């Protein structure tokens, strides 16, 4: 668990990183930023740190053949953590690295901030951290000034401290396995937008209970919404019921057991075999490693439950929310060929 209550900014520097494919320059700062102003430090903490407050997913550095020691950022992090001197020069190397790898013409230029922090708590342990943050989208704002009884209006553009485009925090722990890292990336999931995670940072997820819970629920959702209807004659109501049952399993149990999950959620042996085949193929195609038994993360269940579809949409006339007990809703076709759902209930709110 992350706690930034006593987090303090030590050093901050900013460089402007263009896209060399589009003939844009790399502009390196002459000095560190002056952050002595108390209000400025508060705004920087808000901009840099707040987006990471609720993050439960962690990564570590990797590289070709999974030898993380060859990752340039891993080596830069070691240098910065081990020696506080020459932070600006080391930050220049990181900015140059980003400039060299961000070659896709659609990658936006932007301001790259690098900062060091101390007094961050991870599971009760105080650590320091290196932060990398990129601002790609500037926003226009109006400034109304008052001089005596006269008002003047100006406009400018700047960085919205409530919207961090890309960022990562490299915590000075678990150095022997590639450090512990958390990431923010607000861009789309298109290939050119993945440069921040895949090519610049070059990281892989750390296997945690949160990750495994999140991934298994994601696989289940993919199976129910995409594969199940191809293998069996199931209605939308049936699909929603399977999704509800899968979430209910994770809410009611503290420990996940794959065989137990399959029996309680799917029941039918043919459906279970179909799920097992889909699960195996999905893991191989997406290079996902999951255990058949792990402790369930309540935070991951809460996150996934938000995106599990529980609404049955009928034309443009009705939306039916199905929260459980599939036996209380029946589907049929009347003598005129019209489709219908029959719903049983006890109380009307």
Foldseek 3Di string as FASTA:
>chain_A
DKDCPPKFWDWKAKWWAAAVLVPDDTGADPDTDDDPDPVSRVLVCLQFPVVCPPDDWKWFAADVVRPRVPQPVLVLQVVCVVDVPPPSVSVVVLSVQCNVQLHDPPDAIWMKMKTKMWQMADVRDTWIKIKIFTDRDKAKDKDWDDDPNDIDIDMDIGDDSNDTAWMKIFTPPPSVNGTIMDIDHPDDPDPSSCCVDCPSRRIDIDDDLLVQQLVVLVLQLCCLPPPPVVVDPDDPLVSLQLNLQLLVVLVVDQKAAQVVSLCRRPVDPVSSVSSVVSVVVVCVVVVDDHDNMDTHDPSNSVVVVVPRDQWDDDDPPDIDGHNYDSVQKDWDADPVRDIDIHGDDDDDD
